[in-house]
C-alpha cells in the first residue's frame, strides 16, 4: 500500500504464510499454520482467513479480533469493514465495531481499501452515500453506485444510469455521461464509450482516445495497463516539453 502506514506485504509459499518488510527481510511465520490466506499489512494489521472465516492479525500474527466474519477489508485511515451474512459494518484498528451491521455494501478500491480521504462509500437499500469513520453521513447526496477513491483525486459515481466524477467535497466535477468509469489517478480517469476505453483529464478532455478493450489506473510516472483482446500492454503517456 502507498502511504505513511505501509508496513509489509504478505507472501504464501506452499502452505506457509509470512511477511516481507520494506527492506526485503522475512518476518516470523505463524506457528500453527492455521491461516489459509493473509493479506498485506496496513497500520500493523492484516486481514486473514481461518476456517473459512475472516479476522485481523498484527505483524506478529497475534489475533486482534475473533475470526467470525464472512468478509473483511484492509484497515486504512484507522477504518475497515467486516461482513456477517450479507450485511456490512465498520470496524476500527482496535478491532471494535464502529457501526452495527446495517450496510448492504461497502465499496472498496483496487486494493480493497474502503476508507480514503476519510470517506467510506456505503449502500443501504437502493442508494449509495458517503459516511465518515464513525459511520456518520457526510451529506444528504445519494448515488446509484460509487467506486471508492483510489487517491485524493476524483471519484467515479453513477447517476441516471451513467458515470461521472465528484471531488472530496462531493462536488460534481464531470457530468455523468459515460457507460463506465474508473477513479482518477495522476490526473486521468479511464472511461468507456461505445464499449471501448480511453482516458479523460480533469477538464473532461479525451486525452487518450477510446481504443482499448479495458484500461487500468494511470501511475505517477505516466504509465497504465491497457488491454487489446486478451493481451495487456503498458501504455506510456507522452509528456510534452
C-alpha atoms as a PDB file:
ATOM      1  CA  UNK A   1       0.000   0.000   0.000  1.00  0.00           C
ATOM      2  CA  UNK A   2       1.034   3.569  -0.573  1.00  0.00           C
ATOM      3  CA  UNK A   3       1.091   5.977   2.317  1.00  0.00           C
ATOM      4  CA  UNK A   4       2.669   6.504   5.690  1.00  0.00           C
ATOM      5  CA  UNK A   5       1.214   3.318   7.167  1.00  0.00           C
ATOM      6  CA  UNK A   6       2.786   0.953   4.650  1.00  0.00           C
ATOM      7  CA  UNK A   7       4.456  -1.857   6.591  1.00  0.00           C
ATOM      8  CA  UNK A   8       4.905  -5.084   4.671  1.00  0.00           C
ATOM      9  CA  UNK A   9       3.482  -7.447   2.097  1.00  0.00           C
ATOM     10  CA  UNK A  10       2.315 -10.971   2.703  1.00  0.00           C
ATOM     11  CA  UNK A  11       3.721 -13.960   0.854  1.00  0.00           C
ATOM     12  CA  UNK A  12       2.429 -17.512   0.591  1.00  0.00           C
ATOM     13  CA  UNK A  13       4.920 -20.288  -0.153  1.00  0.00           C
ATOM     14  CA  UNK A  14       3.091 -23.567  -0.383  1.00  0.00           C
ATOM     15  CA  UNK A  15       1.085 -23.761   2.814  1.00  0.00           C
ATOM     16  CA  UNK A  16       3.274 -21.253   4.694  1.00  0.00           C
ATOM     17  CA  UNK A  17       2.425 -17.581   5.076  1.00  0.00           C
ATOM     18  CA  UNK A  18       4.862 -14.880   6.132  1.00  0.00           C
ATOM     19  CA  UNK A  19       5.524 -11.140   5.783  1.00  0.00           C
ATOM     20  CA  UNK A  20       8.344  -9.395   3.926  1.00  0.00           C
ATOM     21  CA  UNK A  21       9.106  -5.897   5.221  1.00  0.00           C
ATOM     22  CA  UNK A  22      10.227  -2.864   3.218  1.00  0.00           C
ATOM     23  CA  UNK A  23      13.880  -3.934   3.479  1.00  0.00           C
ATOM     24  CA  UNK A  24      13.118  -7.317   1.967  1.00  0.00           C
ATOM     25  CA  UNK A  25      13.549  -9.205   5.224  1.00  0.00           C
ATOM     26  CA  UNK A  26      11.279 -12.128   6.031  1.00  0.00           C
ATOM     27  CA  UNK A  27       9.450 -11.829   9.338  1.00  0.00           C
ATOM     28  CA  UNK A  28       8.285 -14.694  11.521  1.00  0.00           C
ATOM     29  CA  UNK A  29       5.650 -17.120  10.296  1.00  0.00           C
ATOM     30  CA  UNK A  30       2.541 -18.180  12.213  1.00  0.00           C
ATOM     31  CA  UNK A  31       3.404 -21.219  14.289  1.00  0.00           C
ATOM     32  CA  UNK A  32       0.313 -23.333  13.785  1.00  0.00           C
ATOM     33  CA  UNK A  33      -0.271 -22.819  10.051  1.00  0.00           C
ATOM     34  CA  UNK A  34      -3.945 -22.174  10.745  1.00  0.00           C
ATOM     35  CA  UNK A  35      -4.350 -19.337   8.259  1.00  0.00           C
ATOM     36  CA  UNK A  36      -5.230 -20.143   4.676  1.00  0.00           C
ATOM     37  CA  UNK A  37      -4.852 -16.564   3.466  1.00  0.00           C
ATOM     38  CA  UNK A  38      -3.142 -13.490   4.922  1.00  0.00           C
ATOM     39  CA  UNK A  39      -3.379 -10.039   3.361  1.00  0.00           C
ATOM     40  CA  UNK A  40      -0.817  -7.247   3.316  1.00  0.00           C
ATOM     41  CA  UNK A  41      -0.061  -5.341   6.490  1.00  0.00           C
ATOM     42  CA  UNK A  42      -1.601  -1.892   6.775  1.00  0.00           C
ATOM     43  CA  UNK A  43      -1.416   0.040  10.036  1.00  0.00           C
ATOM     44  CA  UNK A  44       0.155  -3.088  11.545  1.00  0.00           C
ATOM     45  CA  UNK A  45      -2.971  -5.109  10.820  1.00  0.00           C
ATOM     46  CA  UNK A  46      -3.638  -7.768   8.196  1.00  0.00           C
ATOM     47  CA  UNK A  47      -6.847  -9.461   7.110  1.00  0.00           C
ATOM     48  CA  UNK A  48      -6.553 -13.245   7.436  1.00  0.00           C
ATOM     49  CA  UNK A  49      -8.753 -16.257   6.795  1.00  0.00           C
ATOM     50  CA  UNK A  50      -9.015 -19.168   9.221  1.00  0.00           C
ATOM     51  CA  UNK A  51     -11.550 -21.953   8.997  1.00  0.00           C
ATOM     52  CA  UNK A  52     -13.479 -20.110   6.309  1.00  0.00           C
ATOM     53  CA  UNK A  53     -13.913 -17.004   8.463  1.00  0.00           C
ATOM     54  CA  UNK A  54     -12.056 -13.692   8.488  1.00  0.00           C
ATOM     55  CA  UNK A  55     -10.435 -11.566  11.168  1.00  0.00           C
ATOM     56  CA  UNK A  56      -7.374  -9.394  11.786  1.00  0.00           C
ATOM     57  CA  UNK A  57      -3.802 -10.210  12.821  1.00  0.00           C
ATOM     58  CA  UNK A  58      -0.998  -7.918  13.932  1.00  0.00           C
ATOM     59  CA  UNK A  59       2.524  -8.082  12.492  1.00  0.00           C
ATOM     60  CA  UNK A  60       3.455 -10.845  14.924  1.00  0.00           C
ATOM     61  CA  UNK A  61       0.455 -12.951  13.825  1.00  0.00           C
ATOM     62  CA  UNK A  62      -1.369 -12.273  17.078  1.00  0.00           C
ATOM     63  CA  UNK A  63      -5.118 -12.321  16.596  1.00  0.00           C
ATOM     64  CA  UNK A  64      -6.607  -8.877  17.208  1.00  0.00           C
ATOM     65  CA  UNK A  65     -10.218  -9.905  16.539  1.00  0.00           C
ATOM     66  CA  UNK A  66     -12.213 -13.079  16.644  1.00  0.00           C
ATOM     67  CA  UNK A  67     -12.397 -14.928  13.330  1.00  0.00           C
ATOM     68  CA  UNK A  68     -16.154 -14.651  12.938  1.00  0.00           C
ATOM     69  CA  UNK A  69     -16.622 -12.562   9.798  1.00  0.00           C
ATOM     70  CA  UNK A  70     -17.687 -13.627   6.311  1.00  0.00           C
ATOM     71  CA  UNK A  71     -15.591 -10.885   4.736  1.00  0.00           C
ATOM     72  CA  UNK A  72     -13.208  -8.104   5.753  1.00  0.00           C
ATOM     73  CA  UNK A  73     -11.323  -5.214   4.145  1.00  0.00           C
ATOM     74  CA  UNK A  74      -7.815  -3.944   4.940  1.00  0.00           C
ATOM     75  CA  UNK A  75      -7.539  -1.225   7.555  1.00  0.00           C
ATOM     76  CA  UNK A  76      -6.611   2.228   6.289  1.00  0.00           C
ATOM     77  CA  UNK A  77      -7.012   5.624   7.955  1.00  0.00           C
ATOM     78  CA  UNK A  78      -7.926   3.589  11.045  1.00  0.00           C
ATOM     79  CA  UNK A  79     -11.021   2.095   9.429  1.00  0.00           C
ATOM     80  CA  UNK A  80     -12.031  -1.164   7.779  1.00  0.00           C
ATOM     81  CA  UNK A  81     -15.251  -3.023   7.077  1.00  0.00           C
ATOM     82  CA  UNK A  82     -16.419  -6.512   8.042  1.00  0.00           C
ATOM     83  CA  UNK A  83     -19.320  -8.626   6.820  1.00  0.00           C
ATOM     84  CA  UNK A  84     -21.658 -11.044   8.574  1.00  0.00           C
ATOM     85  CA  UNK A  85     -24.189 -12.788   6.365  1.00  0.00           C
ATOM     86  CA  UNK A  86     -24.982 -10.208   3.698  1.00  0.00           C
ATOM     87  CA  UNK A  87     -24.547  -7.085   5.837  1.00  0.00           C
ATOM     88  CA  UNK A  88     -21.517  -4.902   6.499  1.00  0.00           C
ATOM     89  CA  UNK A  89     -20.291  -2.880   9.478  1.00  0.00           C
ATOM     90  CA  UNK A  90     -17.329  -0.544  10.022  1.00  0.00           C
ATOM     91  CA  UNK A  91     -14.523  -1.622  12.348  1.00  0.00           C
ATOM     92  CA  UNK A  92     -11.603   0.296  13.882  1.00  0.00           C
ATOM     93  CA  UNK A  93      -7.949  -0.574  14.441  1.00  0.00           C
ATOM     94  CA  UNK A  94      -8.713  -1.856  17.944  1.00  0.00           C
ATOM     95  CA  UNK A  95     -10.993  -4.458  16.404  1.00  0.00           C
ATOM     96  CA  UNK A  96     -14.104  -2.797  17.794  1.00  0.00           C
ATOM     97  CA  UNK A  97     -17.226  -2.366  15.682  1.00  0.00           C
ATOM     98  CA  UNK A  98     -17.972   1.269  14.937  1.00  0.00           C
ATOM     99  CA  UNK A  99     -21.435   0.590  13.493  1.00  0.00           C
ATOM    100  CA  UNK A 100     -23.939  -2.226  13.543  1.00  0.00           C
ATOM    101  CA  UNK A 101     -24.276  -4.491  10.506  1.00  0.00           C
ATOM    102  CA  UNK A 102     -26.537  -2.076   8.674  1.00  0.00           C
ATOM    103  CA  UNK A 103     -24.931  -1.666   5.231  1.00  0.00           C
ATOM    104  CA  UNK A 104     -25.789  -3.720   2.147  1.00  0.00           C
ATOM    105  CA  UNK A 105     -22.399  -2.950   0.605  1.00  0.00           C
ATOM    106  CA  UNK A 106     -19.183  -1.103   1.365  1.00  0.00           C
ATOM    107  CA  UNK A 107     -17.200  -0.067  -1.721  1.00  0.00           C
ATOM    108  CA  UNK A 108     -13.510  -0.934  -1.857  1.00  0.00           C
ATOM    109  CA  UNK A 109     -10.887   0.397  -4.248  1.00  0.00           C
ATOM    110  CA  UNK A 110      -8.372  -1.639  -6.268  1.00  0.00           C
ATOM    111  CA  UNK A 111      -6.506  -2.530  -3.058  1.00  0.00           C
ATOM    112  CA  UNK A 112      -9.704  -3.474  -1.245  1.00  0.00           C
ATOM    113  CA  UNK A 113      -9.487  -0.360   0.945  1.00  0.00           C
ATOM    114  CA  UNK A 114     -12.791   1.279   1.836  1.00  0.00           C
ATOM    115  CA  UNK A 115     -11.621   4.473   3.591  1.00  0.00           C
ATOM    116  CA  UNK A 116      -9.736   7.056   1.528  1.00  0.00           C
ATOM    117  CA  UNK A 117      -9.877  10.762   2.367  1.00  0.00           C
ATOM    118  CA  UNK A 118     -11.883   9.682   5.455  1.00  0.00           C
ATOM    119  CA  UNK A 119     -14.774   8.910   3.090  1.00  0.00           C
ATOM    120  CA  UNK A 120     -16.401   5.476   3.006  1.00  0.00           C
ATOM    121  CA  UNK A 121     -18.941   4.666   0.285  1.00  0.00           C
ATOM    122  CA  UNK A 122     -21.755   2.511   1.680  1.00  0.00           C
ATOM    123  CA  UNK A 123     -25.073   1.203   0.401  1.00  0.00           C
ATOM    124  CA  UNK A 124     -28.423   0.996   2.177  1.00  0.00           C
ATOM    125  CA  UNK A 125     -31.381  -0.204   0.180  1.00  0.00           C
ATOM    126  CA  UNK A 126     -31.025   1.140  -3.346  1.00  0.00           C
ATOM    127  CA  UNK A 127     -28.765   4.084  -2.519  1.00  0.00           C
ATOM    128  CA  UNK A 128     -25.043   4.628  -2.071  1.00  0.00           C
ATOM    129  CA  UNK A 129     -23.747   7.512   0.008  1.00  0.00           C
ATOM    130  CA  UNK A 130     -20.645   8.549   1.952  1.00  0.00           C
ATOM    131  CA  UNK A 131     -20.050   8.193   5.684  1.00  0.00           C
ATOM    132  CA  UNK A 132     -17.074   9.098   7.859  1.00  0.00           C
ATOM    133  CA  UNK A 133     -15.022   6.788  10.074  1.00  0.00           C
ATOM    134  CA  UNK A 134     -17.763   6.985  12.714  1.00  0.00           C
ATOM    135  CA  UNK A 135     -20.415   5.852  10.268  1.00  0.00           C
ATOM    136  CA  UNK A 136     -21.991   9.309  10.137  1.00  0.00           C
ATOM    137  CA  UNK A 137     -23.377  10.544   6.823  1.00  0.00           C
ATOM    138  CA  UNK A 138     -21.286  13.250   5.218  1.00  0.00           C
ATOM    139  CA  UNK A 139     -24.123  14.732   3.155  1.00  0.00           C
ATOM    140  CA  UNK A 140     -27.662  14.063   2.002  1.00  0.00           C
ATOM    141  CA  UNK A 141     -26.456  13.231  -1.516  1.00  0.00           C
ATOM    142  CA  UNK A 142     -27.131   9.737  -2.836  1.00  0.00           C
ATOM    143  CA  UNK A 143     -25.850   7.819  -5.848  1.00  0.00           C
ATOM    144  CA  UNK A 144     -26.806   4.710  -7.796  1.00  0.00           C
ATOM    145  CA  UNK A 145     -23.255   3.407  -7.362  1.00  0.00           C
ATOM    146  CA  UNK A 146     -19.866   4.631  -6.169  1.00  0.00           C
ATOM    147  CA  UNK A 147     -16.375   3.391  -6.963  1.00  0.00           C
ATOM    148  CA  UNK A 148     -14.181   4.123  -3.953  1.00  0.00           C
ATOM    149  CA  UNK A 149     -11.454   6.766  -4.136  1.00  0.00           C
ATOM    150  CA  UNK A 150      -8.026   5.493  -5.146  1.00  0.00           C
ATOM    151  CA  UNK A 151      -6.229   8.691  -4.061  1.00  0.00           C
ATOM    152  CA  UNK A 152      -7.308  12.251  -3.265  1.00  0.00           C
ATOM    153  CA  UNK A 153      -8.195  12.710  -6.957  1.00  0.00           C
ATOM    154  CA  UNK A 154     -11.702  12.392  -8.419  1.00  0.00           C
ATOM    155  CA  UNK A 155     -14.063   9.540  -7.581  1.00  0.00           C
ATOM    156  CA  UNK A 156     -16.398   7.799 -10.066  1.00  0.00           C
ATOM    157  CA  UNK A 157     -20.145   7.813  -9.330  1.00  0.00           C
ATOM    158  CA  UNK A 158     -23.201   6.624 -11.259  1.00  0.00           C
ATOM    159  CA  UNK A 159     -26.383   8.660 -11.543  1.00  0.00           C
ATOM    160  CA  UNK A 160     -29.158   8.311 -14.109  1.00  0.00           C
ATOM    161  CA  UNK A 161     -27.514   5.141 -15.399  1.00  0.00           C
ATOM    162  CA  UNK A 162     -24.321   6.971 -16.426  1.00  0.00           C
ATOM    163  CA  UNK A 163     -20.936   7.549 -14.779  1.00  0.00           C
ATOM    164  CA  UNK A 164     -19.235  10.829 -13.892  1.00  0.00           C
ATOM    165  CA  UNK A 165     -16.884  12.222 -11.271  1.00  0.00           C
ATOM    166  CA  UNK A 166     -17.028  14.045  -7.944  1.00  0.00           C
ATOM    167  CA  UNK A 167     -14.322  15.545  -5.746  1.00  0.00           C
ATOM    168  CA  UNK A 168     -13.731  15.091  -1.993  1.00  0.00           C
ATOM    169  CA  UNK A 169     -16.405  17.702  -1.227  1.00  0.00           C
ATOM    170  CA  UNK A 170     -18.911  15.773  -3.375  1.00  0.00           C
ATOM    171  CA  UNK A 171     -18.980  18.493  -5.994  1.00  0.00           C
ATOM    172  CA  UNK A 172     -19.878  17.072  -9.412  1.00  0.00           C
ATOM    173  CA  UNK A 173     -16.793  17.902 -11.472  1.00  0.00           C
ATOM    174  CA  UNK A 174     -17.530  15.824 -14.597  1.00  0.00           C
ATOM    175  CA  UNK A 175     -21.129  15.189 -15.613  1.00  0.00           C
ATOM    176  CA  UNK A 176     -22.464  11.635 -15.580  1.00  0.00           C
ATOM    177  CA  UNK A 177     -22.295  10.778 -19.281  1.00  0.00           C
ATOM    178  CA  UNK A 178     -20.097   7.673 -19.583  1.00  0.00           C
ATOM    179  CA  UNK A 179     -21.028   3.994 -19.871  1.00  0.00           C
ATOM    180  CA  UNK A 180     -18.486   3.157 -17.174  1.00  0.00           C
ATOM    181  CA  UNK A 181     -15.647   4.917 -15.394  1.00  0.00           C
ATOM    182  CA  UNK A 182     -12.794   4.252 -13.003  1.00  0.00           C
ATOM    183  CA  UNK A 183     -11.399   6.562 -10.334  1.00  0.00           C
ATOM    184  CA  UNK A 184      -8.915   9.248 -11.322  1.00  0.00           C
ATOM    185  CA  UNK A 185      -5.244   8.666 -10.581  1.00  0.00           C
ATOM    186  CA  UNK A 186      -2.420  11.019 -11.543  1.00  0.00           C
ATOM    187  CA  UNK A 187      -4.887  13.375 -13.189  1.00  0.00           C
ATOM    188  CA  UNK A 188      -6.531  10.874 -15.556  1.00  0.00           C
ATOM    189  CA  UNK A 189      -9.590   8.670 -15.410  1.00  0.00           C
ATOM    190  CA  UNK A 190     -10.377   5.648 -17.570  1.00  0.00           C
ATOM    191  CA  UNK A 191     -13.844   5.869 -19.175  1.00  0.00           C
ATOM    192  CA  UNK A 192     -15.813   3.597 -21.500  1.00  0.00           C
ATOM    193  CA  UNK A 193     -17.532   4.976 -24.614  1.00  0.00           C
ATOM    194  CA  UNK A 194     -19.414   2.697 -27.037  1.00  0.00           C
ATOM    195  CA  UNK A 195     -17.887  -0.344 -25.373  1.00  0.00           C
ATOM    196  CA  UNK A 196     -14.244   0.762 -25.569  1.00  0.00           C
ATOM    197  CA  UNK A 197     -11.982   2.524 -23.084  1.00  0.00           C
ATOM    198  CA  UNK A 198      -9.946   5.723 -23.189  1.00  0.00           C
ATOM    199  CA  UNK A 199      -8.706   8.351 -20.715  1.00  0.00           C
ATOM    200  CA  UNK A 200     -10.027  11.796 -19.859  1.00  0.00           C
ATOM    201  CA  UNK A 201      -8.300  14.557 -17.915  1.00  0.00           C
ATOM    202  CA  UNK A 202      -9.824  16.745 -15.189  1.00  0.00           C
ATOM    203  CA  UNK A 203     -11.250  19.097 -17.841  1.00  0.00           C
ATOM    204  CA  UNK A 204     -13.190  16.176 -19.358  1.00  0.00           C
ATOM    205  CA  UNK A 205     -10.934  16.267 -22.427  1.00  0.00           C
ATOM    206  CA  UNK A 206     -10.392  12.852 -24.046  1.00  0.00           C
ATOM    207  CA  UNK A 207      -6.607  12.862 -23.711  1.00  0.00           C
ATOM    208  CA  UNK A 208      -6.254   9.256 -24.928  1.00  0.00           C
ATOM    209  CA  UNK A 209      -8.889   8.201 -27.433  1.00  0.00           C
ATOM    210  CA  UNK A 210     -11.078   5.155 -26.695  1.00  0.00           C
ATOM    211  CA  UNK A 211      -9.399   2.244 -28.478  1.00  0.00           C
ATOM    212  CA  UNK A 212      -8.913  -0.275 -25.637  1.00  0.00           C
ATOM    213  CA  UNK A 213     -10.986  -3.261 -24.527  1.00  0.00           C
ATOM    214  CA  UNK A 214     -10.065  -2.453 -20.925  1.00  0.00           C
ATOM    215  CA  UNK A 215      -7.890   0.097 -19.153  1.00  0.00           C
ATOM    216  CA  UNK A 216      -6.256   0.346 -15.735  1.00  0.00           C
ATOM    217  CA  UNK A 217      -5.145   3.182 -13.494  1.00  0.00           C
ATOM    218  CA  UNK A 218      -2.579   5.786 -14.540  1.00  0.00           C
ATOM    219  CA  UNK A 219       0.562   5.708 -12.387  1.00  0.00           C
ATOM    220  CA  UNK A 220       2.613   8.668 -11.218  1.00  0.00           C
ATOM    221  CA  UNK A 221       5.183   8.069 -13.957  1.00  0.00           C
ATOM    222  CA  UNK A 222       2.503   8.214 -16.654  1.00  0.00           C
ATOM    223  CA  UNK A 223       2.065   4.533 -17.416  1.00  0.00           C
ATOM    224  CA  UNK A 224      -1.135   2.496 -17.408  1.00  0.00           C
ATOM    225  CA  UNK A 225      -2.044  -1.115 -18.249  1.00  0.00           C
ATOM    226  CA  UNK A 226      -4.340  -1.365 -21.279  1.00  0.00           C
ATOM    227  CA  UNK A 227      -5.912  -4.349 -22.986  1.00  0.00           C
ATOM    228  CA  UNK A 228      -6.460  -5.290 -26.640  1.00  0.00           C
ATOM    229  CA  UNK A 229      -8.372  -8.541 -26.923  1.00  0.00           C
ATOM    230  CA  UNK A 230      -6.752 -10.853 -24.386  1.00  0.00           C
ATOM    231  CA  UNK A 231      -3.372  -9.091 -24.402  1.00  0.00           C
ATOM    232  CA  UNK A 232      -2.363  -6.498 -21.823  1.00  0.00           C
ATOM    233  CA  UNK A 233       0.369  -3.984 -22.593  1.00  0.00           C
ATOM    234  CA  UNK A 234       1.758  -0.930 -20.844  1.00  0.00           C
ATOM    235  CA  UNK A 235       0.799   2.473 -22.196  1.00  0.00           C
ATOM    236  CA  UNK A 236       3.261   5.362 -21.701  1.00  0.00           C
ATOM    237  CA  UNK A 237       1.817   8.867 -21.516  1.00  0.00           C
ATOM    238  CA  UNK A 238       3.743  11.363 -23.655  1.00  0.00           C
ATOM    239  CA  UNK A 239       4.785  14.449 -21.683  1.00  0.00           C
ATOM    240  CA  UNK A 240       5.258  17.469 -23.927  1.00  0.00           C
ATOM    241  CA  UNK A 241       8.033  19.934 -23.010  1.00  0.00           C
END
